[in-house]
Amino acid sequence: DLVDRHHRAMLRLAETFVSDRATAEEVVQETWTAVIDGLEDFEGHSSLKTWMFSILTNLAKKRGQQEARTVTWSSLSEESIDREVTEESDRFDTEGRWSVPPVPWNTDPEEELMRSDLLERLEDAIEQLPDRQKAVVTLRDIEGWSASEVCDVLDITDGNQRVLLHRGRQKMRETLESYWSEQKDGVP
């Protein structure tokens, strides 16, 4: 039940500290192991959720700092490009016919494209935020956490949380304003 309830949010928060989804998934798995191992020592000074996310935050910060000091072999190779080509070619059989046909669109393609373009720009804008702003915006606006929960997990004051949230939302607002201005002016 805990995994079902919190795994997605934990993954999203971990992604704000590390460079890729695979590493974030590893951090979340390490967190679940730490939670299971430390459950007997949990004293209840905070909620179970806050305690779990504090463990996650500490592990993710540590992993992010380690990543910043190392260069992986995968970043030096073309393996990821080869993997993408292989995954795309799996959609066709040996005779060039669809083995996995495309899914039909049930909406107006132009509207769907605008929506996905806007979503991509918002995701990029969140990714560009400084780490602490990114974490606060992710937890408050995407995951729907309360201010006190965010303060407890990130170990920040309520005032600091409000400032980080305001600044992050301001940058998101600027992204939206720029997007809608471009749409109004017909700029793709």
N, C-alpha and C. Protein backbone atom coordinates (compact mmCIF):
# COMPACT_ATOMS: atom_id res chain seq x y z
N ASP A 1 0.82 -1.19 0.00
CA ASP A 1 0.00 0.00 0.00
C ASP A 1 0.87 1.26 0.00
N LEU A 2 1.94 1.25 0.83
CA LEU A 2 2.84 2.41 0.86
C LEU A 2 3.50 2.63 -0.49
N VAL A 3 3.95 1.56 -1.11
CA VAL A 3 4.60 1.68 -2.41
C VAL A 3 3.61 2.24 -3.43
N ASP A 4 2.41 1.68 -3.47
CA ASP A 4 1.40 2.17 -4.42
C ASP A 4 1.09 3.64 -4.19
N ARG A 5 1.03 4.04 -2.94
CA ARG A 5 0.65 5.40 -2.60
C ARG A 5 1.77 6.41 -2.85
N HIS A 6 3.02 6.04 -2.63
CA HIS A 6 4.10 7.03 -2.62
C HIS A 6 5.19 6.86 -3.67
N HIS A 7 5.23 5.74 -4.36
CA HIS A 7 6.34 5.47 -5.27
C HIS A 7 6.49 6.54 -6.35
N ARG A 8 5.39 6.90 -6.99
CA ARG A 8 5.44 7.87 -8.09
C ARG A 8 5.96 9.22 -7.60
N ALA A 9 5.48 9.67 -6.46
CA ALA A 9 5.93 10.95 -5.91
C ALA A 9 7.40 10.87 -5.51
N MET A 10 7.82 9.74 -4.97
CA MET A 10 9.22 9.57 -4.59
C MET A 10 10.11 9.63 -5.82
N LEU A 11 9.68 8.98 -6.89
CA LEU A 11 10.45 8.99 -8.13
C LEU A 11 10.57 10.41 -8.68
N ARG A 12 9.46 11.12 -8.67
CA ARG A 12 9.46 12.49 -9.18
C ARG A 12 10.39 13.38 -8.35
N LEU A 13 10.37 13.24 -7.04
CA LEU A 13 11.25 14.04 -6.18
C LEU A 13 12.71 13.65 -6.40
N ALA A 14 13.00 12.37 -6.48
CA ALA A 14 14.37 11.92 -6.70
C ALA A 14 14.93 12.48 -8.00
N GLU A 15 14.07 12.58 -9.02
CA GLU A 15 14.52 13.11 -10.32
C GLU A 15 14.95 14.57 -10.24
N THR A 16 14.51 15.28 -9.21
CA THR A 16 14.94 16.67 -9.09
C THR A 16 16.37 16.79 -8.60
N PHE A 17 16.94 15.71 -8.06
CA PHE A 17 18.30 15.75 -7.52
C PHE A 17 19.33 15.03 -8.37
N VAL A 18 18.89 14.07 -9.20
CA VAL A 18 19.83 13.27 -9.99
C VAL A 18 19.64 13.53 -11.47
N SER A 19 20.56 13.00 -12.28
CA SER A 19 20.59 13.38 -13.69
C SER A 19 19.65 12.60 -14.60
N ASP A 20 19.22 11.41 -14.20
CA ASP A 20 18.35 10.65 -15.10
C ASP A 20 17.37 9.78 -14.32
N ARG A 21 16.40 9.26 -15.05
CA ARG A 21 15.34 8.49 -14.43
C ARG A 21 15.85 7.17 -13.83
N ALA A 22 16.79 6.53 -14.51
CA ALA A 22 17.31 5.26 -14.01
C ALA A 22 17.97 5.45 -12.64
N THR A 23 18.72 6.51 -12.49
CA THR A 23 19.37 6.78 -11.21
C THR A 23 18.31 7.11 -10.16
N ALA A 24 17.30 7.87 -10.56
CA ALA A 24 16.21 8.19 -9.62
C ALA A 24 15.52 6.91 -9.15
N GLU A 25 15.31 5.96 -10.07
CA GLU A 25 14.69 4.70 -9.69
C GLU A 25 15.56 3.93 -8.70
N GLU A 26 16.89 3.97 -8.91
CA GLU A 26 17.80 3.32 -7.97
C GLU A 26 17.71 3.97 -6.59
N VAL A 27 17.64 5.30 -6.57
CA VAL A 27 17.55 6.02 -5.30
C VAL A 27 16.26 5.64 -4.57
N VAL A 28 15.18 5.54 -5.31
CA VAL A 28 13.89 5.17 -4.70
C VAL A 28 13.97 3.76 -4.13
N GLN A 29 14.60 2.84 -4.87
CA GLN A 29 14.76 1.47 -4.36
C GLN A 29 15.61 1.46 -3.10
N GLU A 30 16.69 2.24 -3.09
CA GLU A 30 17.53 2.34 -1.89
C GLU A 30 16.71 2.90 -0.72
N THR A 31 15.84 3.84 -1.04
CA THR A 31 14.99 4.43 0.00
C THR A 31 14.07 3.38 0.60
N TRP A 32 13.42 2.59 -0.27
CA TRP A 32 12.51 1.56 0.25
C TRP A 32 13.27 0.57 1.13
N THR A 33 14.48 0.23 0.73
CA THR A 33 15.30 -0.67 1.54
C THR A 33 15.62 -0.03 2.89
N ALA A 34 15.99 1.25 2.87
CA ALA A 34 16.30 1.96 4.12
C ALA A 34 15.06 2.08 5.01
N VAL A 35 13.92 2.29 4.40
CA VAL A 35 12.68 2.39 5.17
C VAL A 35 12.38 1.06 5.86
N ILE A 36 12.50 -0.02 5.10
CA ILE A 36 12.24 -1.35 5.68
C ILE A 36 13.24 -1.64 6.80
N ASP A 37 14.52 -1.36 6.53
CA ASP A 37 15.55 -1.62 7.54
C ASP A 37 15.38 -0.74 8.78
N GLY A 38 14.90 0.48 8.61
CA GLY A 38 14.81 1.40 9.74
C GLY A 38 13.45 1.51 10.39
N LEU A 39 12.49 0.75 9.89
CA LEU A 39 11.12 0.85 10.40
C LEU A 39 11.04 0.58 11.91
N GLU A 40 11.83 -0.34 12.41
CA GLU A 40 11.81 -0.64 13.86
C GLU A 40 12.28 0.55 14.68
N ASP A 41 13.16 1.37 14.10
CA ASP A 41 13.71 2.52 14.82
C ASP A 41 12.88 3.80 14.64
N PHE A 42 11.85 3.74 13.80
CA PHE A 42 11.00 4.91 13.56
C PHE A 42 10.28 5.26 14.86
N GLU A 43 10.50 6.48 15.34
CA GLU A 43 9.96 6.88 16.64
C GLU A 43 8.67 7.68 16.55
N GLY A 44 8.25 8.06 15.36
CA GLY A 44 6.99 8.77 15.21
C GLY A 44 7.05 10.25 15.52
N HIS A 45 8.25 10.85 15.53
CA HIS A 45 8.35 12.30 15.77
C HIS A 45 7.78 13.09 14.61
N SER A 46 7.70 12.47 13.46
CA SER A 46 7.07 13.06 12.28
C SER A 46 6.17 11.98 11.69
N SER A 47 5.43 12.34 10.64
CA SER A 47 4.59 11.33 10.01
C SER A 47 5.48 10.32 9.28
N LEU A 48 4.95 9.14 9.02
CA LEU A 48 5.70 8.13 8.29
C LEU A 48 6.08 8.64 6.91
N LYS A 49 5.16 9.33 6.27
CA LYS A 49 5.41 9.90 4.94
C LYS A 49 6.58 10.87 4.99
N THR A 50 6.59 11.77 5.95
CA THR A 50 7.67 12.75 6.08
C THR A 50 8.99 12.05 6.33
N TRP A 51 9.00 11.06 7.18
CA TRP A 51 10.21 10.30 7.48
C TRP A 51 10.75 9.62 6.24
N MET A 52 9.86 8.97 5.47
CA MET A 52 10.28 8.27 4.25
C MET A 52 10.86 9.26 3.23
N PHE A 53 10.18 10.38 3.04
CA PHE A 53 10.65 11.34 2.06
C PHE A 53 11.92 12.05 2.51
N SER A 54 12.14 12.14 3.81
CA SER A 54 13.41 12.70 4.31
C SER A 54 14.55 11.75 3.98
N ILE A 55 14.32 10.47 4.13
CA ILE A 55 15.34 9.48 3.76
C ILE A 55 15.62 9.60 2.27
N LEU A 56 14.57 9.67 1.47
CA LEU A 56 14.72 9.81 0.02
C LEU A 56 15.53 11.06 -0.33
N THR A 57 15.17 12.18 0.26
CA THR A 57 15.85 13.44 -0.04
C THR A 57 17.34 13.34 0.28
N ASN A 58 17.66 12.78 1.43
CA ASN A 58 19.07 12.64 1.80
C ASN A 58 19.82 11.74 0.83
N LEU A 59 19.23 10.61 0.47
CA LEU A 59 19.89 9.70 -0.47
C LEU A 59 20.03 10.32 -1.85
N ALA A 60 18.98 11.01 -2.30
CA ALA A 60 19.01 11.62 -3.64
C ALA A 60 20.03 12.76 -3.71
N LYS A 61 20.11 13.57 -2.66
CA LYS A 61 21.10 14.65 -2.63
C LYS A 61 22.51 14.06 -2.70
N LYS A 62 22.74 13.04 -1.90
CA LYS A 62 24.05 12.40 -1.87
C LYS A 62 24.41 11.83 -3.24
N ARG A 63 23.46 11.14 -3.89
CA ARG A 63 23.71 10.56 -5.21
C ARG A 63 23.94 11.66 -6.24
N GLY A 64 23.17 12.74 -6.17
CA GLY A 64 23.36 13.85 -7.09
C GLY A 64 24.74 14.48 -6.95
N GLN A 65 25.21 14.60 -5.73
CA GLN A 65 26.55 15.14 -5.51
C GLN A 65 27.61 14.18 -6.05
N GLN A 66 27.41 12.89 -5.88
CA GLN A 66 28.35 11.91 -6.43
C GLN A 66 28.37 11.98 -7.95
N GLU A 67 27.20 12.11 -8.56
CA GLU A 67 27.12 12.19 -10.02
C GLU A 67 27.87 13.41 -10.55
N ALA A 68 27.78 14.50 -9.82
CA ALA A 68 28.43 15.72 -10.27
C ALA A 68 29.94 15.57 -10.32
N ARG A 69 30.47 14.61 -9.56
CA ARG A 69 31.92 14.41 -9.50
C ARG A 69 32.41 13.33 -10.44
N THR A 70 31.51 12.59 -11.13
CA THR A 70 31.95 11.49 -11.97
C THR A 70 31.41 11.62 -13.39
N VAL A 71 32.09 10.96 -14.33
CA VAL A 71 31.65 10.88 -15.71
C VAL A 71 31.41 9.40 -15.99
N THR A 72 30.22 9.06 -16.46
CA THR A 72 29.89 7.66 -16.71
C THR A 72 30.34 7.25 -18.11
N TRP A 73 30.60 5.95 -18.27
CA TRP A 73 30.97 5.44 -19.58
C TRP A 73 29.83 5.64 -20.57
N SER A 74 28.60 5.48 -20.10
CA SER A 74 27.46 5.61 -21.01
C SER A 74 27.37 7.00 -21.62
N SER A 75 27.83 8.01 -20.91
CA SER A 75 27.79 9.36 -21.48
C SER A 75 28.86 9.53 -22.54
N LEU A 76 29.83 8.62 -22.59
CA LEU A 76 30.91 8.71 -23.57
C LEU A 76 30.68 7.82 -24.78
N SER A 77 29.63 7.00 -24.77
CA SER A 77 29.42 6.05 -25.87
C SER A 77 28.18 6.41 -26.67
N GLU A 78 28.01 5.67 -27.76
CA GLU A 78 26.83 5.88 -28.60
C GLU A 78 25.78 4.81 -28.34
N GLU A 79 25.93 4.09 -27.23
CA GLU A 79 25.01 3.00 -26.91
C GLU A 79 23.57 3.49 -26.81
N SER A 80 23.34 4.65 -26.21
CA SER A 80 21.97 5.13 -26.04
C SER A 80 21.34 5.44 -27.39
N ILE A 81 22.12 5.93 -28.35
CA ILE A 81 21.59 6.20 -29.69
C ILE A 81 21.22 4.89 -30.36
N ASP A 82 22.10 3.87 -30.27
CA ASP A 82 21.82 2.57 -30.84
C ASP A 82 20.57 1.96 -30.24
N ARG A 83 20.36 2.15 -28.91
CA ARG A 83 19.19 1.62 -28.23
C ARG A 83 17.92 2.27 -28.78
N GLU A 84 17.95 3.58 -29.02
CA GLU A 84 16.78 4.27 -29.56
C GLU A 84 16.42 3.74 -30.94
N VAL A 85 17.42 3.55 -31.79
CA VAL A 85 17.18 3.04 -33.14
C VAL A 85 16.59 1.64 -33.06
N THR A 86 17.12 0.78 -32.19
CA THR A 86 16.61 -0.57 -32.03
C THR A 86 15.17 -0.55 -31.53
N GLU A 87 14.87 0.28 -30.55
CA GLU A 87 13.51 0.36 -30.03
C GLU A 87 12.53 0.81 -31.10
N GLU A 88 12.92 1.77 -31.92
CA GLU A 88 12.04 2.25 -32.98
C GLU A 88 11.86 1.18 -34.05
N SER A 89 12.92 0.44 -34.39
CA SER A 89 12.82 -0.57 -35.44
C SER A 89 11.98 -1.77 -34.98
N ASP A 90 11.76 -1.92 -33.68
CA ASP A 90 10.91 -2.99 -33.18
C ASP A 90 9.44 -2.78 -33.56
N ARG A 91 9.10 -1.60 -34.02
CA ARG A 91 7.70 -1.33 -34.42
C ARG A 91 7.37 -1.94 -35.78
N PHE A 92 8.40 -2.39 -36.54
CA PHE A 92 8.20 -2.93 -37.87
C PHE A 92 8.69 -4.37 -37.93
N ASP A 93 8.02 -5.17 -38.78
CA ASP A 93 8.49 -6.55 -38.95
C ASP A 93 9.60 -6.57 -40.00
N THR A 94 10.09 -7.76 -40.33
CA THR A 94 11.22 -7.88 -41.25
C THR A 94 10.88 -7.43 -42.67
N GLU A 95 9.59 -7.39 -43.01
CA GLU A 95 9.17 -6.96 -44.34
C GLU A 95 8.80 -5.48 -44.37
N GLY A 96 9.01 -4.79 -43.27
CA GLY A 96 8.75 -3.35 -43.23
C GLY A 96 7.32 -2.97 -42.90
N ARG A 97 6.48 -3.95 -42.53
CA ARG A 97 5.11 -3.64 -42.14
C ARG A 97 5.04 -3.41 -40.64
N TRP A 98 4.00 -2.71 -40.22
CA TRP A 98 3.83 -2.42 -38.80
C TRP A 98 3.69 -3.71 -38.01
N SER A 99 4.51 -3.89 -37.00
CA SER A 99 4.28 -4.98 -36.04
C SER A 99 3.51 -4.43 -34.85
N VAL A 100 3.71 -3.14 -34.60
CA VAL A 100 2.95 -2.42 -33.58
C VAL A 100 2.41 -1.17 -34.26
N PRO A 101 1.14 -1.20 -34.70
CA PRO A 101 0.61 -0.05 -35.43
C PRO A 101 0.46 1.18 -34.53
N PRO A 102 0.51 2.35 -35.15
CA PRO A 102 0.33 3.57 -34.35
C PRO A 102 -1.07 3.64 -33.76
N VAL A 103 -1.18 4.28 -32.61
CA VAL A 103 -2.46 4.44 -31.95
C VAL A 103 -3.21 5.60 -32.61
N PRO A 104 -4.48 5.40 -32.96
CA PRO A 104 -5.22 6.50 -33.59
C PRO A 104 -5.46 7.65 -32.61
N TRP A 105 -5.45 8.86 -33.14
CA TRP A 105 -5.70 10.04 -32.32
C TRP A 105 -7.19 10.23 -32.17
N ASN A 106 -7.62 10.48 -30.95
CA ASN A 106 -9.04 10.69 -30.68
C ASN A 106 -9.35 12.16 -30.42
N THR A 107 -8.36 13.03 -30.65
CA THR A 107 -8.57 14.45 -30.43
C THR A 107 -8.12 15.20 -31.66
N ASP A 108 -8.36 16.47 -31.65
CA ASP A 108 -7.89 17.35 -32.71
C ASP A 108 -6.37 17.37 -32.69
N PRO A 109 -5.69 16.96 -33.76
CA PRO A 109 -4.23 16.88 -33.74
C PRO A 109 -3.55 18.22 -33.41
N GLU A 110 -4.10 19.33 -33.90
CA GLU A 110 -3.49 20.63 -33.62
C GLU A 110 -3.58 20.96 -32.13
N GLU A 111 -4.74 20.68 -31.55
CA GLU A 111 -4.93 20.93 -30.12
C GLU A 111 -4.01 20.04 -29.29
N GLU A 112 -3.90 18.77 -29.68
CA GLU A 112 -3.03 17.83 -28.96
C GLU A 112 -1.57 18.26 -29.07
N LEU A 113 -1.17 18.72 -30.25
CA LEU A 113 0.20 19.17 -30.44
C LEU A 113 0.49 20.39 -29.57
N MET A 114 -0.44 21.33 -29.51
CA MET A 114 -0.26 22.52 -28.67
C MET A 114 -0.14 22.11 -27.20
N ARG A 115 -0.99 21.19 -26.79
CA ARG A 115 -0.98 20.76 -25.40
C ARG A 115 0.34 20.06 -25.07
N SER A 116 0.80 19.17 -25.95
CA SER A 116 2.06 18.46 -25.67
C SER A 116 3.24 19.42 -25.74
N ASP A 117 3.19 20.40 -26.66
CA ASP A 117 4.25 21.40 -26.76
C ASP A 117 4.30 22.24 -25.49
N LEU A 118 3.15 22.64 -25.00
CA LEU A 118 3.10 23.43 -23.77
C LEU A 118 3.60 22.60 -22.59
N LEU A 119 3.16 21.36 -22.49
CA LEU A 119 3.60 20.49 -21.41
C LEU A 119 5.12 20.30 -21.45
N GLU A 120 5.66 20.10 -22.64
CA GLU A 120 7.11 19.94 -22.78
C GLU A 120 7.84 21.20 -22.34
N ARG A 121 7.32 22.35 -22.70
CA ARG A 121 7.96 23.60 -22.30
C ARG A 121 7.89 23.81 -20.79
N LEU A 122 6.76 23.43 -20.19
CA LEU A 122 6.65 23.54 -18.74
C LEU A 122 7.61 22.57 -18.04
N GLU A 123 7.70 21.35 -18.56
CA GLU A 123 8.63 20.38 -17.98
C GLU A 123 10.07 20.88 -18.10
N ASP A 124 10.41 21.46 -19.26
CA ASP A 124 11.75 22.03 -19.44
C ASP A 124 11.99 23.18 -18.47
N ALA A 125 10.96 24.01 -18.28
CA ALA A 125 11.10 25.14 -17.36
C ALA A 125 11.32 24.65 -15.93
N ILE A 126 10.60 23.61 -15.52
CA ILE A 126 10.80 23.04 -14.19
C ILE A 126 12.22 22.48 -14.08
N GLU A 127 12.67 21.81 -15.13
CA GLU A 127 14.01 21.22 -15.12
C GLU A 127 15.10 22.29 -14.99
N GLN A 128 14.84 23.49 -15.50
CA GLN A 128 15.82 24.58 -15.45
C GLN A 128 15.85 25.31 -14.10
N LEU A 129 14.86 25.05 -13.27
CA LEU A 129 14.82 25.72 -11.96
C LEU A 129 16.00 25.26 -11.10
N PRO A 130 16.48 26.11 -10.22
CA PRO A 130 17.48 25.67 -9.25
C PRO A 130 16.91 24.50 -8.43
N ASP A 131 17.77 23.62 -7.94
CA ASP A 131 17.34 22.38 -7.29
C ASP A 131 16.28 22.57 -6.21
N ARG A 132 16.48 23.53 -5.34
CA ARG A 132 15.52 23.71 -4.23
C ARG A 132 14.18 24.21 -4.75
N GLN A 133 14.18 25.13 -5.72
CA GLN A 133 12.92 25.59 -6.31
C GLN A 133 12.23 24.43 -7.02
N LYS A 134 13.01 23.64 -7.75
CA LYS A 134 12.45 22.51 -8.49
C LYS A 134 11.79 21.53 -7.52
N ALA A 135 12.44 21.24 -6.41
CA ALA A 135 11.87 20.31 -5.43
C ALA A 135 10.58 20.86 -4.83
N VAL A 136 10.58 22.13 -4.46
CA VAL A 136 9.39 22.73 -3.84
C VAL A 136 8.24 22.77 -4.84
N VAL A 137 8.49 23.23 -6.07
CA VAL A 137 7.43 23.30 -7.09
C VAL A 137 6.90 21.89 -7.39
N THR A 138 7.79 20.93 -7.50
CA THR A 138 7.37 19.56 -7.79
C THR A 138 6.47 19.02 -6.68
N LEU A 139 6.90 19.19 -5.43
CA LEU A 139 6.11 18.65 -4.33
C LEU A 139 4.80 19.40 -4.13
N ARG A 140 4.83 20.71 -4.23
CA ARG A 140 3.61 21.49 -3.98
C ARG A 140 2.64 21.42 -5.15
N ASP A 141 3.11 21.73 -6.35
CA ASP A 141 2.19 21.89 -7.48
C ASP A 141 1.93 20.63 -8.28
N ILE A 142 2.87 19.71 -8.29
CA ILE A 142 2.65 18.49 -9.05
C ILE A 142 2.13 17.38 -8.16
N GLU A 143 2.73 17.24 -6.97
CA GLU A 143 2.32 16.18 -6.06
C GLU A 143 1.22 16.60 -5.09
N GLY A 144 1.00 17.91 -4.94
CA GLY A 144 -0.08 18.39 -4.10
C GLY A 144 0.18 18.35 -2.60
N TRP A 145 1.44 18.42 -2.20
CA TRP A 145 1.78 18.38 -0.79
C TRP A 145 1.46 19.70 -0.11
N SER A 146 1.28 19.65 1.19
CA SER A 146 1.06 20.86 1.98
C SER A 146 2.41 21.54 2.21
N ALA A 147 2.35 22.82 2.58
CA ALA A 147 3.58 23.57 2.84
C ALA A 147 4.36 22.94 3.99
N SER A 148 3.67 22.52 5.03
CA SER A 148 4.38 21.95 6.19
C SER A 148 5.06 20.63 5.84
N GLU A 149 4.43 19.82 5.00
CA GLU A 149 5.07 18.56 4.57
C GLU A 149 6.35 18.84 3.79
N VAL A 150 6.29 19.83 2.90
CA VAL A 150 7.47 20.18 2.11
C VAL A 150 8.58 20.69 3.02
N CYS A 151 8.22 21.54 3.96
CA CYS A 151 9.22 22.07 4.91
C CYS A 151 9.88 20.95 5.69
N ASP A 152 9.09 19.99 6.15
CA ASP A 152 9.64 18.88 6.94
C ASP A 152 10.58 18.02 6.11
N VAL A 153 10.17 17.68 4.90
CA VAL A 153 10.98 16.79 4.07
C VAL A 153 12.26 17.46 3.59
N LEU A 154 12.16 18.72 3.19
CA LEU A 154 13.33 19.41 2.66
C LEU A 154 14.13 20.13 3.74
N ASP A 155 13.62 20.09 4.95
CA ASP A 155 14.28 20.72 6.10
C ASP A 155 14.53 22.21 5.84
N ILE A 156 13.45 22.90 5.48
CA ILE A 156 13.51 24.35 5.25
C ILE A 156 12.43 25.03 6.06
N THR A 157 12.57 26.34 6.25
CA THR A 157 11.56 27.08 7.01
C THR A 157 10.35 27.35 6.13
N ASP A 158 9.25 27.69 6.77
CA ASP A 158 8.03 28.01 6.02
C ASP A 158 8.26 29.22 5.12
N GLY A 159 8.95 30.22 5.64
CA GLY A 159 9.25 31.41 4.84
C GLY A 159 10.09 31.08 3.63
N ASN A 160 11.10 30.25 3.82
CA ASN A 160 11.96 29.84 2.70
C ASN A 160 11.14 29.06 1.67
N GLN A 161 10.27 28.19 2.14
CA GLN A 161 9.42 27.42 1.24
C GLN A 161 8.54 28.34 0.40
N ARG A 162 7.96 29.37 1.04
CA ARG A 162 7.10 30.31 0.31
C ARG A 162 7.90 31.07 -0.75
N VAL A 163 9.10 31.51 -0.40
CA VAL A 163 9.93 32.25 -1.36
C VAL A 163 10.32 31.35 -2.53
N LEU A 164 10.76 30.12 -2.24
CA LEU A 164 11.14 29.20 -3.31
C LEU A 164 9.96 28.88 -4.21
N LEU A 165 8.79 28.68 -3.61
CA LEU A 165 7.59 28.39 -4.39
C LEU A 165 7.20 29.58 -5.25
N HIS A 166 7.24 30.78 -4.67
CA HIS A 166 6.89 31.99 -5.42
C HIS A 166 7.82 32.18 -6.61
N ARG A 167 9.12 32.05 -6.38
CA ARG A 167 10.09 32.25 -7.46
C ARG A 167 9.93 31.18 -8.55
N GLY A 168 9.72 29.94 -8.13
CA GLY A 168 9.51 28.87 -9.10
C GLY A 168 8.24 29.08 -9.91
N ARG A 169 7.16 29.46 -9.23
CA ARG A 169 5.90 29.72 -9.94
C ARG A 169 6.03 30.92 -10.86
N GLN A 170 6.79 31.92 -10.45
CA GLN A 170 7.00 33.09 -11.30
C GLN A 170 7.68 32.68 -12.60
N LYS A 171 8.68 31.83 -12.52
CA LYS A 171 9.36 31.36 -13.73
C LYS A 171 8.41 30.53 -14.60
N MET A 172 7.55 29.74 -13.96
CA MET A 172 6.57 28.96 -14.72
C MET A 172 5.57 29.89 -15.41
N ARG A 173 5.15 30.94 -14.69
CA ARG A 173 4.23 31.92 -15.25
C ARG A 173 4.85 32.60 -16.47
N GLU A 174 6.13 32.95 -16.38
CA GLU A 174 6.83 33.57 -17.50
C GLU A 174 6.87 32.63 -18.71
N THR A 175 7.06 31.36 -18.45
CA THR A 175 7.06 30.37 -19.53
C THR A 175 5.69 30.32 -20.20
N LEU A 176 4.62 30.31 -19.38
CA LEU A 176 3.26 30.30 -19.94
C LEU A 176 2.97 31.56 -20.74
N GLU A 177 3.35 32.71 -20.19
CA GLU A 177 3.11 33.97 -20.89
C GLU A 177 3.84 34.01 -22.22
N SER A 178 5.07 33.53 -22.24
CA SER A 178 5.84 33.48 -23.48
C SER A 178 5.17 32.54 -24.48
N TYR A 179 4.71 31.39 -24.01
CA TYR A 179 4.06 30.42 -24.88
C TYR A 179 2.79 31.01 -25.49
N TRP A 180 1.94 31.61 -24.66
CA TRP A 180 0.68 32.15 -25.17
C TRP A 180 0.92 33.35 -26.08
N SER A 181 1.94 34.12 -25.80
CA SER A 181 2.28 35.25 -26.68
C SER A 181 2.71 34.73 -28.05
N GLU A 182 3.50 33.68 -28.06
CA GLU A 182 3.93 33.10 -29.33
C GLU A 182 2.74 32.53 -30.09
N GLN A 183 1.80 31.90 -29.38
CA GLN A 183 0.63 31.32 -30.03
C GLN A 183 -0.23 32.42 -30.63
N LYS A 184 -0.36 33.53 -29.90
CA LYS A 184 -1.15 34.65 -30.38
C LYS A 184 -0.52 35.27 -31.63
N ASP A 185 0.83 35.34 -31.64
CA ASP A 185 1.54 35.95 -32.75
C ASP A 185 1.79 34.98 -33.89
N GLY A 186 1.40 33.73 -33.70
CA GLY A 186 1.57 32.73 -34.75
C GLY A 186 2.98 32.19 -34.87
N VAL A 187 3.79 32.34 -33.83
CA VAL A 187 5.14 31.82 -33.86
C VAL A 187 5.10 30.36 -33.39
N PRO A 188 5.70 29.42 -34.15
CA PRO A 188 5.65 28.02 -33.75
C PRO A 188 6.54 27.74 -32.56
